[in-house]
Amino acid sequence: MDRDIDALNDEMKAAGIRVFVGGLHPASSAKSLRRQPDGKVLITDGPYLKTAEHVGGFWVLEAANLEEALAWGRKAAVACRASVEVRPFH
């Protein structure tokens, strides 16, 4: 899988669409910060949402349109062997 993701990153760079890419440590390493009613912020160990799935990393791409973004998303789903979400970026 790592080899496939590296190849996809190289393909994205060659196509000139990759703006940023980042892998994330496991969700178990997260710290969650929640504002309390008194205005203080409580910091707890673990992810913000309790879920069986988590984000392992992300790409920011400069695609011409949604169809192009989805085409790259398909390649990412194959390389990562996992579900991929495509969203516009503000």
Protein backbone atom coordinates (compact mmCIF):
# COMPACT_ATOMS: atom_id res chain seq x y z
CA MET A 1 0.00 0.00 0.00
CA ASP A 2 2.78 2.47 0.88
CA ARG A 3 4.34 1.91 -2.56
CA ASP A 4 0.99 2.56 -4.27
CA ILE A 5 0.43 5.76 -2.29
CA ASP A 6 3.98 6.95 -3.08
CA ALA A 7 3.33 6.27 -6.79
CA LEU A 8 0.06 8.20 -6.61
CA ASN A 9 1.82 11.13 -4.91
CA ASP A 10 4.41 11.13 -7.70
CA GLU A 11 1.63 11.08 -10.32
CA MET A 12 -0.13 14.00 -8.62
CA LYS A 13 3.11 16.01 -8.48
CA ALA A 14 3.83 15.29 -12.16
CA ALA A 15 0.30 16.42 -13.07
CA GLY A 16 0.87 19.66 -11.14
CA ILE A 17 -2.33 19.36 -9.11
CA ARG A 18 -0.97 18.50 -5.67
CA VAL A 19 -0.99 21.46 -3.29
CA PHE A 20 -0.42 19.66 0.01
CA VAL A 21 -0.42 16.11 1.36
CA GLY A 22 -0.22 14.91 4.94
CA GLY A 23 -0.46 11.63 6.80
CA LEU A 24 -1.87 11.57 10.30
CA HIS A 25 -0.86 9.57 13.36
CA PRO A 26 -3.49 7.10 14.63
CA ALA A 27 -6.68 8.54 16.13
CA SER A 28 -5.59 7.15 19.50
CA SER A 29 -2.85 9.81 19.61
CA ALA A 30 -5.36 12.67 19.31
CA LYS A 31 -6.20 15.23 21.98
CA SER A 32 -9.71 16.68 21.97
CA LEU A 33 -10.44 20.18 23.19
CA ARG A 34 -13.96 21.12 24.24
CA ARG A 35 -15.20 24.47 25.47
CA GLN A 36 -17.01 24.14 28.78
CA PRO A 37 -20.03 26.21 29.93
CA ASP A 38 -17.74 28.23 32.23
CA GLY A 39 -15.59 29.24 29.23
CA LYS A 40 -12.66 27.00 30.13
CA VAL A 41 -11.38 24.38 27.69
CA LEU A 42 -11.22 20.73 28.70
CA ILE A 43 -8.48 18.65 27.05
CA THR A 44 -9.00 14.89 26.91
CA ASP A 45 -7.10 12.01 25.34
CA GLY A 46 -8.51 10.47 22.20
CA PRO A 47 -10.38 11.55 19.09
CA TYR A 48 -13.20 14.10 19.09
CA LEU A 49 -15.64 11.60 17.59
CA LYS A 50 -15.93 8.01 18.75
CA THR A 51 -15.99 6.00 15.53
CA ALA A 52 -14.57 2.81 14.09
CA GLU A 53 -13.10 4.74 11.14
CA HIS A 54 -10.71 7.65 11.16
CA VAL A 55 -8.89 9.91 8.74
CA GLY A 56 -5.43 8.54 8.04
CA GLY A 57 -4.29 11.46 5.91
CA PHE A 58 -5.41 13.87 3.24
CA TRP A 59 -4.53 15.57 -0.01
CA VAL A 60 -5.31 19.12 -1.05
CA LEU A 61 -5.52 19.15 -4.85
CA GLU A 62 -6.14 21.94 -7.32
CA ALA A 63 -8.54 20.18 -9.68
CA ALA A 64 -10.24 21.89 -12.62
CA ASN A 65 -13.66 20.57 -11.60
CA LEU A 66 -15.49 17.96 -9.53
CA GLU A 67 -15.10 15.28 -12.20
CA GLU A 68 -11.31 15.63 -12.14
CA ALA A 69 -11.30 15.58 -8.33
CA LEU A 70 -13.40 12.39 -8.34
CA ALA A 71 -11.02 10.76 -10.83
CA TRP A 72 -8.13 11.41 -8.44
CA GLY A 73 -10.32 10.21 -5.56
CA ARG A 74 -10.86 6.91 -7.36
CA LYS A 75 -7.10 6.47 -7.70
CA ALA A 76 -6.67 7.32 -4.01
CA ALA A 77 -9.29 4.77 -2.94
CA VAL A 78 -7.44 2.07 -4.90
CA ALA A 79 -3.99 3.07 -3.61
CA CYS A 80 -5.13 3.42 0.02
CA ARG A 81 -7.38 0.35 -0.04
CA ALA A 82 -9.90 2.42 1.92
CA SER A 83 -12.81 4.78 1.52
CA VAL A 84 -11.98 8.26 0.27
CA GLU A 85 -14.02 11.45 0.68
CA VAL A 86 -13.85 14.28 -1.87
CA ARG A 87 -14.86 17.80 -0.78
CA PRO A 88 -14.41 21.29 -2.16
CA PHE A 89 -11.96 23.46 -0.22
CA HIS A 90 -12.69 27.09 0.64
